[in-house]
Amino acid sequence: MSQEINPSEAHTGHPTAGMYFKIAMILSAVTAIEVGIFYLTWLSYWIIPILFVLSAGKFTLVAMYYMHLKFDHKLFTFLFVGGFVLATSVIFALIFLFQVWL
């Protein structure tokens, strides 16, 4: 026979409101750093790679906690990351193919 799962048992281990607040503060701090880096003219060619890394870190935090990928089945994480890697690969392939550099 099939086994019924109590809805309260299905999703365990989610972060508390305090954890969401800490993550929001981290995201706010990283955003402030990104805005500050934009105005540093001496970085010139390094601005885009630095902003890309910071944005990727923010994206990872949002996907892990706010989209609950850290707590869901690993298949969902695999599908999400796989699609992201595929999309990023296509973008870089098009950049190299058409030689469009920023």
Protein backbone atom coordinates (compact mmCIF):
# COMPACT_ATOMS: atom_id res chain seq x y z
CA MET A 1 0.00 0.00 0.00
CA SER A 2 1.04 3.58 -0.43
CA GLN A 3 2.34 5.44 2.53
CA GLU A 4 0.86 8.82 3.38
CA ILE A 5 3.23 11.59 4.30
CA ASN A 6 2.24 14.21 6.80
CA PRO A 7 2.73 17.65 5.15
CA SER A 8 4.59 18.91 8.19
CA GLU A 9 7.13 16.09 7.79
CA ALA A 10 7.65 16.64 4.06
CA HIS A 11 9.58 19.90 4.35
CA THR A 12 11.92 19.88 7.27
CA GLY A 13 15.06 21.88 7.82
CA HIS A 14 13.92 25.18 6.31
CA PRO A 15 15.68 28.28 7.59
CA THR A 16 14.20 30.42 10.30
CA ALA A 17 13.15 34.04 9.93
CA GLY A 18 16.45 35.03 11.51
CA MET A 19 18.38 33.13 8.84
CA TYR A 20 16.37 34.86 6.10
CA PHE A 21 17.20 38.20 7.70
CA LYS A 22 20.93 37.35 7.80
CA ILE A 23 20.85 36.33 4.15
CA ALA A 24 19.04 39.55 3.24
CA MET A 25 21.72 41.55 5.06
CA ILE A 26 24.48 39.66 3.22
CA LEU A 27 22.74 40.31 -0.11
CA SER A 28 22.37 44.00 0.78
CA ALA A 29 26.05 44.25 1.70
CA VAL A 30 27.16 42.57 -1.53
CA THR A 31 24.88 44.90 -3.51
CA ALA A 32 26.43 47.92 -1.77
CA ILE A 33 29.90 46.57 -2.62
CA GLU A 34 28.82 46.15 -6.26
CA VAL A 35 27.60 49.75 -6.42
CA GLY A 36 30.82 50.97 -4.81
CA ILE A 37 33.01 48.97 -7.18
CA PHE A 38 31.25 50.53 -10.16
CA TYR A 39 32.60 53.94 -9.15
CA LEU A 40 36.22 52.80 -8.76
CA THR A 41 37.70 53.99 -12.03
CA TRP A 42 41.15 52.47 -11.41
CA LEU A 43 39.70 48.96 -11.76
CA SER A 44 38.80 49.61 -15.44
CA TYR A 45 39.04 46.14 -17.04
CA TRP A 46 38.50 44.24 -13.79
CA ILE A 47 35.08 45.73 -13.04
CA ILE A 48 33.12 43.26 -15.17
CA PRO A 49 34.79 40.07 -13.84
CA ILE A 50 34.49 41.29 -10.23
CA LEU A 51 30.82 42.21 -10.67
CA PHE A 52 30.20 38.87 -12.38
CA VAL A 53 31.66 36.94 -9.44
CA LEU A 54 29.72 38.99 -6.88
CA SER A 55 26.50 38.59 -8.86
CA ALA A 56 27.06 34.84 -9.16
CA GLY A 57 27.48 34.66 -5.38
CA LYS A 58 24.23 36.56 -4.85
CA PHE A 59 22.48 34.33 -7.37
CA THR A 60 23.71 31.25 -5.52
CA LEU A 61 22.44 32.52 -2.16
CA VAL A 62 19.03 33.40 -3.61
CA ALA A 63 18.71 30.05 -5.37
CA MET A 64 19.81 28.06 -2.34
CA TYR A 65 17.70 29.73 0.33
CA TYR A 66 14.86 31.75 -1.20
CA MET A 67 14.12 29.17 -3.90
CA HIS A 68 14.64 26.37 -1.32
CA LEU A 69 17.03 24.41 -3.56
CA LYS A 70 19.26 23.68 -0.59
CA PHE A 71 16.43 21.86 1.17
CA ASP A 72 14.61 20.20 -1.75
CA HIS A 73 15.44 17.00 -3.58
CA LYS A 74 18.87 17.04 -5.27
CA LEU A 75 17.22 16.40 -8.65
CA PHE A 76 15.74 19.91 -8.59
CA THR A 77 19.14 21.40 -7.85
CA PHE A 78 20.68 19.36 -10.68
CA LEU A 79 18.02 20.49 -13.16
CA PHE A 80 18.32 24.13 -12.11
CA VAL A 81 22.12 24.18 -12.20
CA GLY A 82 22.19 22.20 -15.45
CA GLY A 83 19.93 24.72 -17.16
CA PHE A 84 21.99 27.60 -15.81
CA VAL A 85 25.26 26.05 -17.01
CA LEU A 86 23.75 25.36 -20.43
CA ALA A 87 22.48 28.94 -20.78
CA THR A 88 25.82 30.38 -19.65
CA SER A 89 27.70 28.13 -22.08
CA VAL A 90 25.49 29.25 -24.97
CA ILE A 91 26.06 32.91 -24.09
CA PHE A 92 29.85 32.48 -23.97
CA ALA A 93 29.80 30.44 -27.20
CA LEU A 94 27.91 33.26 -28.94
CA ILE A 95 30.34 35.84 -27.56
CA PHE A 96 33.30 33.89 -28.95
CA LEU A 97 31.52 33.07 -32.21
CA PHE A 98 30.59 36.64 -33.05
CA GLN A 99 33.63 38.17 -31.31
CA VAL A 100 31.58 40.64 -29.33
CA TRP A 101 33.71 41.75 -26.40
CA LEU A 102 32.45 44.21 -23.85
